[in-house]
Amino acid sequence: MRVFFISLITLFVIIFIYFFNQSYQYSLEAKTFYELGEYEKAYQLAKKAYELEPYNRMAFTILTQSEIAKEWKNYIEESKNYFKKIEEISNKKVITNGKTTA
């Protein structure tokens, strides 16, 4: 019975910290946006949370993960654009080396 009450009190303390601490609220919201693929929004919220509470490990983790995810998303977009350019060039009937003679 004593273990139950200690567990219950611990649970209430955790809930209190997460729901009444602005830093943890931001980090939970950032986690949601990260899971939805909204990396920029997740980054901004995690940054706010981390600035409010530097010991918020969730905020730091989401901050670094969303920064990496943003970089990879940019790489993928760039590669898609390069692929489109390559496809346009390869679909031309006449392909030149791109040099013009004057």
Foldseek 3Di string as FASTA:
>chain_A
DVVVVVVVVVVVVVVCCQPVPQLNVLLVVLVVCVVVVVLVSSLVSLVVSCVSPVVPVSSVVSNVVSVVSVVVVVVVVVVVVVVVVVVVQVPDPDHDPPDDDD
